[in-house]
Amino acid sequence: MSEATTANEAEQRRAARKRFRAHYRAFYDELVEILFQHDPIGIHRGNAEKFVPEASTMLPRLREARVAEDVEQIIEQELRRWYGRRRFSNLNPDRLTDATIAICSAWNHFLEVSAT
């Protein structure tokens, strides 16, 4: 294998990683926006950026989710972890369901695009 071929393959791998990171970042931003829009416990009404910590802990866990109930459980667990039982008691089941559906749709789209 020539040095030119090896260098070209390395460049292609770097470009693929860069595209994946950009795509992953787009999903992360979408997750933050979904949490803000649906705000299942009514905690951050004015600033989507306040959901950055929650999204940061939810995102890696989505890989273990297989069905919508798994995603809903991840949302519940992370919100309870971040806000405690007292604030979590304000959970709105309809907003939780809407957030779960939106996150599942976005995650499935992310996985489909990432596979190509």
PDB file of N, CA and C in Angstrom:
ATOM      1  N   MET A   1       0.846  -1.163   0.000  1.00  0.00           N
ATOM      2  CA  MET A   1       0.000   0.000   0.000  1.00  0.00           C
ATOM      3  C   MET A   1       0.901   1.238   0.000  1.00  0.00           C
ATOM      4  N   SER A   2       0.581   2.168  -0.826  1.00  0.00           N
ATOM      5  CA  SER A   2       1.415   3.365  -0.936  1.00  0.00           C
ATOM      6  C   SER A   2       1.070   4.374   0.153  1.00  0.00           C
ATOM      7  N   GLU A   3       1.996   5.288   0.376  1.00  0.00           N
ATOM      8  CA  GLU A   3       1.757   6.342   1.366  1.00  0.00           C
ATOM      9  C   GLU A   3       0.578   7.215   0.967  1.00  0.00           C
ATOM     10  N   ALA A   4       0.427   7.466  -0.322  1.00  0.00           N
ATOM     11  CA  ALA A   4      -0.684   8.295  -0.810  1.00  0.00           C
ATOM     12  C   ALA A   4      -2.025   7.633  -0.498  1.00  0.00           C
ATOM     13  N   THR A   5      -2.113   6.316  -0.683  1.00  0.00           N
ATOM     14  CA  THR A   5      -3.351   5.587  -0.400  1.00  0.00           C
ATOM     15  C   THR A   5      -3.654   5.628   1.094  1.00  0.00           C
ATOM     16  N   THR A   6      -2.658   5.391   1.919  1.00  0.00           N
ATOM     17  CA  THR A   6      -2.824   5.436   3.369  1.00  0.00           C
ATOM     18  C   THR A   6      -3.255   6.822   3.831  1.00  0.00           C
ATOM     19  N   ALA A   7      -2.636   7.856   3.300  1.00  0.00           N
ATOM     20  CA  ALA A   7      -2.992   9.228   3.652  1.00  0.00           C
ATOM     21  C   ALA A   7      -4.415   9.547   3.221  1.00  0.00           C
ATOM     22  N   ASN A   8      -4.807   9.073   2.044  1.00  0.00           N
ATOM     23  CA  ASN A   8      -6.155   9.310   1.543  1.00  0.00           C
ATOM     24  C   ASN A   8      -7.192   8.609   2.434  1.00  0.00           C
ATOM     25  N   GLU A   9      -6.909   7.380   2.841  1.00  0.00           N
ATOM     26  CA  GLU A   9      -7.819   6.649   3.720  1.00  0.00           C
ATOM     27  C   GLU A   9      -7.936   7.336   5.073  1.00  0.00           C
ATOM     28  N   ALA A  10      -6.836   7.807   5.592  1.00  0.00           N
ATOM     29  CA  ALA A  10      -6.854   8.526   6.873  1.00  0.00           C
ATOM     30  C   ALA A  10      -7.684   9.800   6.753  1.00  0.00           C
ATOM     31  N   GLU A  11      -7.533  10.510   5.663  1.00  0.00           N
ATOM     32  CA  GLU A  11      -8.312  11.729   5.435  1.00  0.00           C
ATOM     33  C   GLU A  11      -9.799  11.410   5.328  1.00  0.00           C
ATOM     34  N   GLN A  12     -10.130  10.320   4.660  1.00  0.00           N
ATOM     35  CA  GLN A  12     -11.532   9.912   4.542  1.00  0.00           C
ATOM     36  C   GLN A  12     -12.122   9.562   5.909  1.00  0.00           C
ATOM     37  N   ARG A  13     -11.342   8.885   6.748  1.00  0.00           N
ATOM     38  CA  ARG A  13     -11.805   8.557   8.099  1.00  0.00           C
ATOM     39  C   ARG A  13     -12.023   9.821   8.922  1.00  0.00           C
ATOM     40  N   ARG A  14     -11.096  10.775   8.816  1.00  0.00           N
ATOM     41  CA  ARG A  14     -11.251  12.043   9.537  1.00  0.00           C
ATOM     42  C   ARG A  14     -12.493  12.777   9.068  1.00  0.00           C
ATOM     43  N   ALA A  15     -12.729  12.801   7.784  1.00  0.00           N
ATOM     44  CA  ALA A  15     -13.911  13.475   7.235  1.00  0.00           C
ATOM     45  C   ALA A  15     -15.190  12.786   7.709  1.00  0.00           C
ATOM     46  N   ALA A  16     -15.183  11.462   7.753  1.00  0.00           N
ATOM     47  CA  ALA A  16     -16.354  10.716   8.226  1.00  0.00           C
ATOM     48  C   ALA A  16     -16.619  11.006   9.702  1.00  0.00           C
ATOM     49  N   ARG A  17     -15.550  11.043  10.513  1.00  0.00           N
ATOM     50  CA  ARG A  17     -15.713  11.371  11.939  1.00  0.00           C
ATOM     51  C   ARG A  17     -16.256  12.780  12.116  1.00  0.00           C
ATOM     52  N   LYS A  18     -15.777  13.704  11.312  1.00  0.00           N
ATOM     53  CA  LYS A  18     -16.235  15.091  11.399  1.00  0.00           C
ATOM     54  C   LYS A  18     -17.725  15.186  11.054  1.00  0.00           C
ATOM     55  N   ARG A  19     -18.147  14.472  10.015  1.00  0.00           N
ATOM     56  CA  ARG A  19     -19.568  14.469   9.643  1.00  0.00           C
ATOM     57  C   ARG A  19     -20.408  13.858  10.756  1.00  0.00           C
ATOM     58  N   PHE A  20     -19.919  12.752  11.349  1.00  0.00           N
ATOM     59  CA  PHE A  20     -20.655  12.105  12.426  1.00  0.00           C
ATOM     60  C   PHE A  20     -20.791  13.037  13.628  1.00  0.00           C
ATOM     61  N   ARG A  21     -19.700  13.703  14.005  1.00  0.00           N
ATOM     62  CA  ARG A  21     -19.752  14.643  15.135  1.00  0.00           C
ATOM     63  C   ARG A  21     -20.751  15.766  14.866  1.00  0.00           C
ATOM     64  N   ALA A  22     -20.758  16.281  13.655  1.00  0.00           N
ATOM     65  CA  ALA A  22     -21.692  17.354  13.305  1.00  0.00           C
ATOM     66  C   ALA A  22     -23.131  16.841  13.377  1.00  0.00           C
ATOM     67  N   HIS A  23     -23.339  15.632  12.889  1.00  0.00           N
ATOM     68  CA  HIS A  23     -24.675  15.041  12.919  1.00  0.00           C
ATOM     69  C   HIS A  23     -25.093  14.771  14.364  1.00  0.00           C
ATOM     70  N   TYR A  24     -24.186  14.247  15.173  1.00  0.00           N
ATOM     71  CA  TYR A  24     -24.454  13.968  16.583  1.00  0.00           C
ATOM     72  C   TYR A  24     -24.787  15.270  17.309  1.00  0.00           C
ATOM     73  N   ARG A  25     -24.041  16.328  16.998  1.00  0.00           N
ATOM     74  CA  ARG A  25     -24.293  17.633  17.614  1.00  0.00           C
ATOM     75  C   ARG A  25     -25.680  18.149  17.233  1.00  0.00           C
ATOM     76  N   ALA A  26     -26.072  17.924  15.982  1.00  0.00           N
ATOM     77  CA  ALA A  26     -27.398  18.355  15.536  1.00  0.00           C
ATOM     78  C   ALA A  26     -28.476  17.611  16.330  1.00  0.00           C
ATOM     79  N   PHE A  27     -28.278  16.311  16.573  1.00  0.00           N
ATOM     80  CA  PHE A  27     -29.250  15.563  17.368  1.00  0.00           C
ATOM     81  C   PHE A  27     -29.273  16.068  18.805  1.00  0.00           C
ATOM     82  N   TYR A  28     -28.115  16.330  19.365  1.00  0.00           N
ATOM     83  CA  TYR A  28     -28.026  16.864  20.727  1.00  0.00           C
ATOM     84  C   TYR A  28     -28.809  18.175  20.836  1.00  0.00           C
ATOM     85  N   ASP A  29     -28.611  19.067  19.862  1.00  0.00           N
ATOM     86  CA  ASP A  29     -29.341  20.341  19.858  1.00  0.00           C
ATOM     87  C   ASP A  29     -30.838  20.106  19.742  1.00  0.00           C
ATOM     88  N   GLU A  30     -31.220  19.118  18.937  1.00  0.00           N
ATOM     89  CA  GLU A  30     -32.639  18.786  18.786  1.00  0.00           C
ATOM     90  C   GLU A  30     -33.205  18.243  20.098  1.00  0.00           C
ATOM     91  N   LEU A  31     -32.442  17.427  20.801  1.00  0.00           N
ATOM     92  CA  LEU A  31     -32.871  16.891  22.087  1.00  0.00           C
ATOM     93  C   LEU A  31     -33.106  18.011  23.093  1.00  0.00           C
ATOM     94  N   VAL A  32     -32.192  18.960  23.157  1.00  0.00           N
ATOM     95  CA  VAL A  32     -32.359  20.109  24.053  1.00  0.00           C
ATOM     96  C   VAL A  32     -33.644  20.862  23.701  1.00  0.00           C
ATOM     97  N   GLU A  33     -33.875  21.076  22.423  1.00  0.00           N
ATOM     98  CA  GLU A  33     -35.068  21.802  21.973  1.00  0.00           C
ATOM     99  C   GLU A  33     -36.353  21.033  22.298  1.00  0.00           C
ATOM    100  N   ILE A  34     -36.334  19.723  22.132  1.00  0.00           N
ATOM    101  CA  ILE A  34     -37.512  18.903  22.471  1.00  0.00           C
ATOM    102  C   ILE A  34     -37.813  19.010  23.965  1.00  0.00           C
ATOM    103  N   LEU A  35     -36.786  18.894  24.796  1.00  0.00           N
ATOM    104  CA  LEU A  35     -36.994  19.006  26.244  1.00  0.00           C
ATOM    105  C   LEU A  35     -37.555  20.374  26.604  1.00  0.00           C
ATOM    106  N   PHE A  36     -37.058  21.403  25.950  1.00  0.00           N
ATOM    107  CA  PHE A  36     -37.538  22.760  26.205  1.00  0.00           C
ATOM    108  C   PHE A  36     -38.996  22.911  25.765  1.00  0.00           C
ATOM    109  N   GLN A  37     -39.311  22.442  24.574  1.00  0.00           N
ATOM    110  CA  GLN A  37     -40.672  22.587  24.052  1.00  0.00           C
ATOM    111  C   GLN A  37     -41.705  21.853  24.900  1.00  0.00           C
ATOM    112  N   HIS A  38     -41.361  20.655  25.349  1.00  0.00           N
ATOM    113  CA  HIS A  38     -42.334  19.838  26.069  1.00  0.00           C
ATOM    114  C   HIS A  38     -42.207  19.948  27.584  1.00  0.00           C
ATOM    115  N   ASP A  39     -41.056  20.311  28.082  1.00  0.00           N
ATOM    116  CA  ASP A  39     -40.780  20.563  29.505  1.00  0.00           C
ATOM    117  C   ASP A  39     -41.693  19.739  30.430  1.00  0.00           C
ATOM    118  N   PRO A  40     -41.444  18.444  30.529  1.00  0.00           N
ATOM    119  CA  PRO A  40     -42.356  17.553  31.255  1.00  0.00           C
ATOM    120  C   PRO A  40     -42.638  17.920  32.708  1.00  0.00           C
ATOM    121  N   ILE A  41     -41.749  18.647  33.365  1.00  0.00           N
ATOM    122  CA  ILE A  41     -42.032  19.033  34.758  1.00  0.00           C
ATOM    123  C   ILE A  41     -42.204  20.545  34.908  1.00  0.00           C
ATOM    124  N   GLY A  42     -42.266  21.256  33.789  1.00  0.00           N
ATOM    125  CA  GLY A  42     -42.546  22.697  33.824  1.00  0.00           C
ATOM    126  C   GLY A  42     -41.494  23.494  34.569  1.00  0.00           C
ATOM    127  N   ILE A  43     -40.235  23.220  34.303  1.00  0.00           N
ATOM    128  CA  ILE A  43     -39.159  23.816  35.087  1.00  0.00           C
ATOM    129  C   ILE A  43     -38.444  24.967  34.387  1.00  0.00           C
ATOM    130  N   HIS A  44     -38.288  24.895  33.068  1.00  0.00           N
ATOM    131  CA  HIS A  44     -37.506  25.900  32.335  1.00  0.00           C
ATOM    132  C   HIS A  44     -38.360  26.544  31.253  1.00  0.00           C
ATOM    133  N   ARG A  45     -39.123  27.505  31.592  1.00  0.00           N
ATOM    134  CA  ARG A  45     -40.054  28.078  30.634  1.00  0.00           C
ATOM    135  C   ARG A  45     -39.431  29.091  29.680  1.00  0.00           C
ATOM    136  N   GLY A  46     -38.282  29.637  29.973  1.00  0.00           N
ATOM    137  CA  GLY A  46     -37.782  30.719  29.146  1.00  0.00           C
ATOM    138  C   GLY A  46     -36.464  30.503  28.441  1.00  0.00           C
ATOM    139  N   ASN A  47     -35.791  29.370  28.688  1.00  0.00           N
ATOM    140  CA  ASN A  47     -34.447  29.232  28.153  1.00  0.00           C
ATOM    141  C   ASN A  47     -34.123  27.769  27.862  1.00  0.00           C
ATOM    142  N   ALA A  48     -34.037  27.429  26.584  1.00  0.00           N
ATOM    143  CA  ALA A  48     -33.746  26.052  26.187  1.00  0.00           C
ATOM    144  C   ALA A  48     -32.391  25.596  26.697  1.00  0.00           C
ATOM    145  N   GLU A  49     -31.434  26.509  26.805  1.00  0.00           N
ATOM    146  CA  GLU A  49     -30.079  26.144  27.244  1.00  0.00           C
ATOM    147  C   GLU A  49     -30.062  25.565  28.654  1.00  0.00           C
ATOM    148  N   LYS A  50     -31.093  25.821  29.428  1.00  0.00           N
ATOM    149  CA  LYS A  50     -31.141  25.270  30.786  1.00  0.00           C
ATOM    150  C   LYS A  50     -31.279  23.756  30.771  1.00  0.00           C
ATOM    151  N   PHE A  51     -31.685  23.186  29.618  1.00  0.00           N
ATOM    152  CA  PHE A  51     -31.812  21.735  29.507  1.00  0.00           C
ATOM    153  C   PHE A  51     -30.529  21.055  29.041  1.00  0.00           C
ATOM    154  N   VAL A  52     -29.466  21.794  28.893  1.00  0.00           N
ATOM    155  CA  VAL A  52     -28.196  21.210  28.438  1.00  0.00           C
ATOM    156  C   VAL A  52     -27.698  20.114  29.385  1.00  0.00           C
ATOM    157  N   PRO A  53     -27.687  20.315  30.692  1.00  0.00           N
ATOM    158  CA  PRO A  53     -27.196  19.235  31.568  1.00  0.00           C
ATOM    159  C   PRO A  53     -28.041  17.964  31.464  1.00  0.00           C
ATOM    160  N   GLU A  54     -29.364  18.126  31.414  1.00  0.00           N
ATOM    161  CA  GLU A  54     -30.244  16.971  31.326  1.00  0.00           C
ATOM    162  C   GLU A  54     -30.016  16.220  30.015  1.00  0.00           C
ATOM    163  N   ALA A  55     -29.916  16.970  28.922  1.00  0.00           N
ATOM    164  CA  ALA A  55     -29.676  16.342  27.619  1.00  0.00           C
ATOM    165  C   ALA A  55     -28.330  15.611  27.622  1.00  0.00           C
ATOM    166  N   SER A  56     -27.362  16.185  28.290  1.00  0.00           N
ATOM    167  CA  SER A  56     -26.026  15.577  28.346  1.00  0.00           C
ATOM    168  C   SER A  56     -26.031  14.219  29.034  1.00  0.00           C
ATOM    169  N   THR A  57     -26.914  14.036  29.998  1.00  0.00           N
ATOM    170  CA  THR A  57     -26.974  12.743  30.679  1.00  0.00           C
ATOM    171  C   THR A  57     -27.966  11.788  30.022  1.00  0.00           C
ATOM    172  N   MET A  58     -28.956  12.326  29.318  1.00  0.00           N
ATOM    173  CA  MET A  58     -29.921  11.465  28.614  1.00  0.00           C
ATOM    174  C   MET A  58     -29.321  10.877  27.344  1.00  0.00           C
ATOM    175  N   LEU A  59     -28.604  11.694  26.616  1.00  0.00           N
ATOM    176  CA  LEU A  59     -28.117  11.298  25.297  1.00  0.00           C
ATOM    177  C   LEU A  59     -27.339   9.982  25.296  1.00  0.00           C
ATOM    178  N   PRO A  60     -26.341   9.792  26.157  1.00  0.00           N
ATOM    179  CA  PRO A  60     -25.600   8.526  26.116  1.00  0.00           C
ATOM    180  C   PRO A  60     -26.462   7.314  26.474  1.00  0.00           C
ATOM    181  N   ARG A  61     -27.496   7.552  27.266  1.00  0.00           N
ATOM    182  CA  ARG A  61     -28.360   6.451  27.690  1.00  0.00           C
ATOM    183  C   ARG A  61     -29.330   6.009  26.604  1.00  0.00           C
ATOM    184  N   LEU A  62     -29.568   6.855  25.624  1.00  0.00           N
ATOM    185  CA  LEU A  62     -30.506   6.495  24.560  1.00  0.00           C
ATOM    186  C   LEU A  62     -30.043   5.275  23.781  1.00  0.00           C
ATOM    187  N   ARG A  63     -28.739   5.046  23.762  1.00  0.00           N
ATOM    188  CA  ARG A  63     -28.226   3.864  23.056  1.00  0.00           C
ATOM    189  C   ARG A  63     -28.753   2.565  23.649  1.00  0.00           C
ATOM    190  N   GLU A  64     -29.089   2.573  24.937  1.00  0.00           N
ATOM    191  CA  GLU A  64     -29.596   1.358  25.580  1.00  0.00           C
ATOM    192  C   GLU A  64     -31.103   1.195  25.409  1.00  0.00           C
ATOM    193  N   ALA A  65     -31.787   2.210  24.908  1.00  0.00           N
ATOM    194  CA  ALA A  65     -33.242   2.167  24.730  1.00  0.00           C
ATOM    195  C   ALA A  65     -33.609   1.306  23.525  1.00  0.00           C
ATOM    196  N   ARG A  66     -34.588   0.456  23.707  1.00  0.00           N
ATOM    197  CA  ARG A  66     -35.060  -0.402  22.619  1.00  0.00           C
ATOM    198  C   ARG A  66     -36.491  -0.073  22.195  1.00  0.00           C
ATOM    199  N   VAL A  67     -37.279   0.437  23.132  1.00  0.00           N
ATOM    200  CA  VAL A  67     -38.681   0.788  22.862  1.00  0.00           C
ATOM    201  C   VAL A  67     -38.988   2.129  23.517  1.00  0.00           C
ATOM    202  N   ALA A  68     -40.131   2.693  23.173  1.00  0.00           N
ATOM    203  CA  ALA A  68     -40.513   4.015  23.700  1.00  0.00           C
ATOM    204  C   ALA A  68     -40.557   4.040  25.225  1.00  0.00           C
ATOM    205  N   GLU A  69     -40.970   2.947  25.843  1.00  0.00           N
ATOM    206  CA  GLU A  69     -41.026   2.896  27.307  1.00  0.00           C
ATOM    207  C   GLU A  69     -39.638   3.081  27.917  1.00  0.00           C
ATOM    208  N   ASP A  70     -38.618   2.566  27.230  1.00  0.00           N
ATOM    209  CA  ASP A  70     -37.240   2.757  27.701  1.00  0.00           C
ATOM    210  C   ASP A  70     -36.864   4.236  27.664  1.00  0.00           C
ATOM    211  N   VAL A  71     -37.236   4.911  26.587  1.00  0.00           N
ATOM    212  CA  VAL A  71     -36.933   6.341  26.454  1.00  0.00           C
ATOM    213  C   VAL A  71     -37.669   7.122  27.531  1.00  0.00           C
ATOM    214  N   GLU A  72     -38.929   6.801  27.740  1.00  0.00           N
ATOM    215  CA  GLU A  72     -39.708   7.487  28.778  1.00  0.00           C
ATOM    216  C   GLU A  72     -39.079   7.279  30.151  1.00  0.00           C
ATOM    217  N   GLN A  73     -38.619   6.072  30.413  1.00  0.00           N
ATOM    218  CA  GLN A  73     -37.978   5.782  31.699  1.00  0.00           C
ATOM    219  C   GLN A  73     -36.678   6.574  31.858  1.00  0.00           C
ATOM    220  N   ILE A  74     -35.913   6.704  30.792  1.00  0.00           N
ATOM    221  CA  ILE A  74     -34.681   7.496  30.837  1.00  0.00           C
ATOM    222  C   ILE A  74     -35.009   8.952  31.157  1.00  0.00           C
ATOM    223  N   ILE A  75     -36.011   9.495  30.494  1.00  0.00           N
ATOM    224  CA  ILE A  75     -36.413  10.887  30.755  1.00  0.00           C
ATOM    225  C   ILE A  75     -36.800  11.042  32.222  1.00  0.00           C
ATOM    226  N   GLU A  76     -37.653  10.164  32.701  1.00  0.00           N
ATOM    227  CA  GLU A  76     -38.107  10.243  34.094  1.00  0.00           C
ATOM    228  C   GLU A  76     -36.941  10.143  35.074  1.00  0.00           C
ATOM    229  N   GLN A  77     -36.077   9.165  34.874  1.00  0.00           N
ATOM    230  CA  GLN A  77     -34.963   8.959  35.790  1.00  0.00           C
ATOM    231  C   GLN A  77     -34.022  10.156  35.821  1.00  0.00           C
ATOM    232  N   GLU A  78     -33.725  10.696  34.649  1.00  0.00           N
ATOM    233  CA  GLU A  78     -32.805  11.827  34.606  1.00  0.00           C
ATOM    234  C   GLU A  78     -33.436  13.094  35.178  1.00  0.00           C
ATOM    235  N   LEU A  79     -34.711  13.328  34.919  1.00  0.00           N
ATOM    236  CA  LEU A  79     -35.367  14.505  35.506  1.00  0.00           C
ATOM    237  C   LEU A  79     -35.442  14.369  37.025  1.00  0.00           C
ATOM    238  N   ARG A  80     -35.748  13.171  37.507  1.00  0.00           N
ATOM    239  CA  ARG A  80     -35.779  12.947  38.961  1.00  0.00           C
ATOM    240  C   ARG A  80     -34.391  13.159  39.559  1.00  0.00           C
ATOM    241  N   ARG A  81     -33.387  12.665  38.848  1.00  0.00           N
ATOM    242  CA  ARG A  81     -32.002  12.815  39.322  1.00  0.00           C
ATOM    243  C   ARG A  81     -31.605  14.289  39.402  1.00  0.00           C
ATOM    244  N   TRP A  82     -31.949  15.064  38.378  1.00  0.00           N
ATOM    245  CA  TRP A  82     -31.548  16.467  38.333  1.00  0.00           C
ATOM    246  C   TRP A  82     -32.379  17.364  39.245  1.00  0.00           C
ATOM    247  N   TYR A  83     -33.655  17.037  39.458  1.00  0.00           N
ATOM    248  CA  TYR A  83     -34.530  17.965  40.175  1.00  0.00           C
ATOM    249  C   TYR A  83     -35.080  17.439  41.489  1.00  0.00           C
ATOM    250  N   GLY A  84     -34.846  16.192  41.797  1.00  0.00           N
ATOM    251  CA  GLY A  84     -35.332  15.639  43.051  1.00  0.00           C
ATOM    252  C   GLY A  84     -36.799  15.267  42.980  1.00  0.00           C
ATOM    253  N   ARG A  85     -37.218  14.537  43.977  1.00  0.00           N
ATOM    254  CA  ARG A  85     -38.592  14.020  44.000  1.00  0.00           C
ATOM    255  C   ARG A  85     -39.635  15.124  44.114  1.00  0.00           C
ATOM    256  N   ARG A  86     -39.330  16.160  44.865  1.00  0.00           N
ATOM    257  CA  ARG A  86     -40.323  17.211  45.080  1.00  0.00           C
ATOM    258  C   ARG A  86     -40.671  17.911  43.769  1.00  0.00           C
ATOM    259  N   ARG A  87     -39.670  18.356  43.038  1.00  0.00           N
ATOM    260  CA  ARG A  87     -39.932  19.006  41.753  1.00  0.00           C
ATOM    261  C   ARG A  87     -40.445  18.018  40.718  1.00  0.00           C
ATOM    262  N   PHE A  88     -39.961  16.778  40.794  1.00  0.00           N
ATOM    263  CA  PHE A  88     -40.410  15.762  39.853  1.00  0.00           C
ATOM    264  C   PHE A  88     -41.899  15.460  40.030  1.00  0.00           C
ATOM    265  N   SER A  89     -42.431  15.731  41.209  1.00  0.00           N
ATOM    266  CA  SER A  89     -43.856  15.476  41.451  1.00  0.00           C
ATOM    267  C   SER A  89     -44.740  16.347  40.556  1.00  0.00           C
ATOM    268  N   ASN A  90     -44.158  17.378  39.928  1.00  0.00           N
ATOM    269  CA  ASN A  90     -44.911  18.236  38.998  1.00  0.00           C
ATOM    270  C   ASN A  90     -44.989  17.638  37.595  1.00  0.00           C
ATOM    271  N   LEU A  91     -44.518  16.416  37.426  1.00  0.00           N
ATOM    272  CA  LEU A  91     -44.495  15.773  36.118  1.00  0.00           C
ATOM    273  C   LEU A  91     -45.884  15.775  35.487  1.00  0.00           C
ATOM    274  N   ASN A  92     -45.935  16.259  34.250  1.00  0.00           N
ATOM    275  CA  ASN A  92     -47.167  16.264  33.474  1.00  0.00           C
ATOM    276  C   ASN A  92     -47.112  15.063  32.527  1.00  0.00           C
ATOM    277  N   PRO A  93     -47.981  14.057  32.730  1.00  0.00           N
ATOM    278  CA  PRO A  93     -47.917  12.837  31.914  1.00  0.00           C
ATOM    279  C   PRO A  93     -48.097  13.097  30.412  1.00  0.00           C
ATOM    280  N   ASP A  94     -48.932  14.051  30.055  1.00  0.00           N
ATOM    281  CA  ASP A  94     -49.139  14.345  28.631  1.00  0.00           C
ATOM    282  C   ASP A  94     -47.886  14.949  28.008  1.00  0.00           C
ATOM    283  N   ARG A  95     -47.258  15.875  28.719  1.00  0.00           N
ATOM    284  CA  ARG A  95     -46.022  16.470  28.192  1.00  0.00           C
ATOM    285  C   ARG A  95     -44.895  15.446  28.146  1.00  0.00           C
ATOM    286  N   LEU A  96     -44.865  14.527  29.130  1.00  0.00           N
ATOM    287  CA  LEU A  96     -43.871  13.450  29.123  1.00  0.00           C
ATOM    288  C   LEU A  96     -44.073  12.560  27.896  1.00  0.00           C
ATOM    289  N   THR A  97     -45.314  12.213  27.620  1.00  0.00           N
ATOM    290  CA  THR A  97     -45.617  11.387  26.447  1.00  0.00           C
ATOM    291  C   THR A  97     -45.210  12.097  25.165  1.00  0.00           C
ATOM    292  N   ASP A  98     -45.541  13.379  25.058  1.00  0.00           N
ATOM    293  CA  ASP A  98     -45.172  14.149  23.864  1.00  0.00           C
ATOM    294  C   ASP A  98     -43.658  14.225  23.701  1.00  0.00           C
ATOM    295  N   ALA A  99     -42.942  14.438  24.803  1.00  0.00           N
ATOM    296  CA  ALA A  99     -41.476  14.493  24.749  1.00  0.00           C
ATOM    297  C   ALA A  99     -40.907  13.133  24.342  1.00  0.00           C
ATOM    298  N   THR A 100     -41.473  12.066  24.881  1.00  0.00           N
ATOM    299  CA  THR A 100     -41.009  10.717  24.553  1.00  0.00           C
ATOM    300  C   THR A 100     -41.178  10.437  23.069  1.00  0.00           C
ATOM    301  N   ILE A 101     -42.339  10.753  22.530  1.00  0.00           N
ATOM    302  CA  ILE A 101     -42.604  10.517  21.108  1.00  0.00           C
ATOM    303  C   ILE A 101     -41.641  11.329  20.245  1.00  0.00           C
ATOM    304  N   ALA A 102     -41.459  12.588  20.595  1.00  0.00           N
ATOM    305  CA  ALA A 102     -40.564  13.452  19.810  1.00  0.00           C
ATOM    306  C   ALA A 102     -39.118  12.959  19.876  1.00  0.00           C
ATOM    307  N   ILE A 103     -38.668  12.552  21.054  1.00  0.00           N
ATOM    308  CA  ILE A 103     -37.298  12.055  21.205  1.00  0.00           C
ATOM    309  C   ILE A 103     -37.124  10.742  20.450  1.00  0.00           C
ATOM    310  N   CYS A 104     -38.095   9.837  20.544  1.00  0.00           N
ATOM    311  CA  CYS A 104     -38.017   8.571  19.803  1.00  0.00           C
ATOM    312  C   CYS A 104     -37.927   8.831  18.301  1.00  0.00           C
ATOM    313  N   SER A 105     -38.742   9.732  17.801  1.00  0.00           N
ATOM    314  CA  SER A 105     -38.718  10.048  16.365  1.00  0.00           C
ATOM    315  C   SER A 105     -37.370  10.623  15.959  1.00  0.00           C
ATOM    316  N   ALA A 106     -36.877  11.566  16.737  1.00  0.00           N
ATOM    317  CA  ALA A 106     -35.588  12.196  16.420  1.00  0.00           C
ATOM    318  C   ALA A 106     -34.449  11.181  16.514  1.00  0.00           C
ATOM    319  N   TRP A 107     -34.477  10.323  17.537  1.00  0.00           N
ATOM    320  CA  TRP A 107     -33.435   9.321  17.726  1.00  0.00           C
ATOM    321  C   TRP A 107     -33.439   8.311  16.578  1.00  0.00           C
ATOM    322  N   ASN A 108     -34.624   7.845  16.197  1.00  0.00           N
ATOM    323  CA  ASN A 108     -34.715   6.896  15.085  1.00  0.00           C
ATOM    324  C   ASN A 108     -34.201   7.521  13.790  1.00  0.00           C
ATOM    325  N   HIS A 109     -34.525   8.778  13.574  1.00  0.00           N
ATOM    326  CA  HIS A 109     -34.021   9.472  12.373  1.00  0.00           C
ATOM    327  C   HIS A 109     -32.490   9.572  12.433  1.00  0.00           C
ATOM    328  N   PHE A 110     -31.973   9.919  13.595  1.00  0.00           N
ATOM    329  CA  PHE A 110     -30.521   9.999  13.781  1.00  0.00           C
ATOM    330  C   PHE A 110     -29.865   8.655  13.454  1.00  0.00           C
ATOM    331  N   LEU A 111     -30.425   7.578  13.950  1.00  0.00           N
ATOM    332  CA  LEU A 111     -29.857   6.251  13.707  1.00  0.00           C
ATOM    333  C   LEU A 111     -29.912   5.877  12.224  1.00  0.00           C
ATOM    334  N   GLU A 112     -31.024   6.209  11.561  1.00  0.00           N
ATOM    335  CA  GLU A 112     -31.148   5.912  10.132  1.00  0.00           C
ATOM    336  C   GLU A 112     -30.103   6.663   9.319  1.00  0.00           C
ATOM    337  N   VAL A 113     -29.955   7.946   9.598  1.00  0.00           N
ATOM    338  CA  VAL A 113     -28.996   8.764   8.852  1.00  0.00           C
ATOM    339  C   VAL A 113     -27.564   8.336   9.165  1.00  0.00           C
ATOM    340  N   SER A 114     -27.308   7.968  10.402  1.00  0.00           N
ATOM    341  CA  SER A 114     -25.959   7.545  10.802  1.00  0.00           C
ATOM    342  C   SER A 114     -25.564   6.224  10.145  1.00  0.00           C
ATOM    343  N   ALA A 115     -26.534   5.401   9.833  1.00  0.00           N
ATOM    344  CA  ALA A 115     -26.254   4.092   9.242  1.00  0.00           C
ATOM    345  C   ALA A 115     -25.858   4.196   7.768  1.00  0.00           C
ATOM    346  N   THR A 116     -26.174   5.313   7.145  1.00  0.00           N
ATOM    347  CA  THR A 116     -25.856   5.454   5.715  1.00  0.00           C
ATOM    348  C   THR A 116     -24.513   6.067   5.492  1.00  0.00           C
TER     349      THR A 116
END
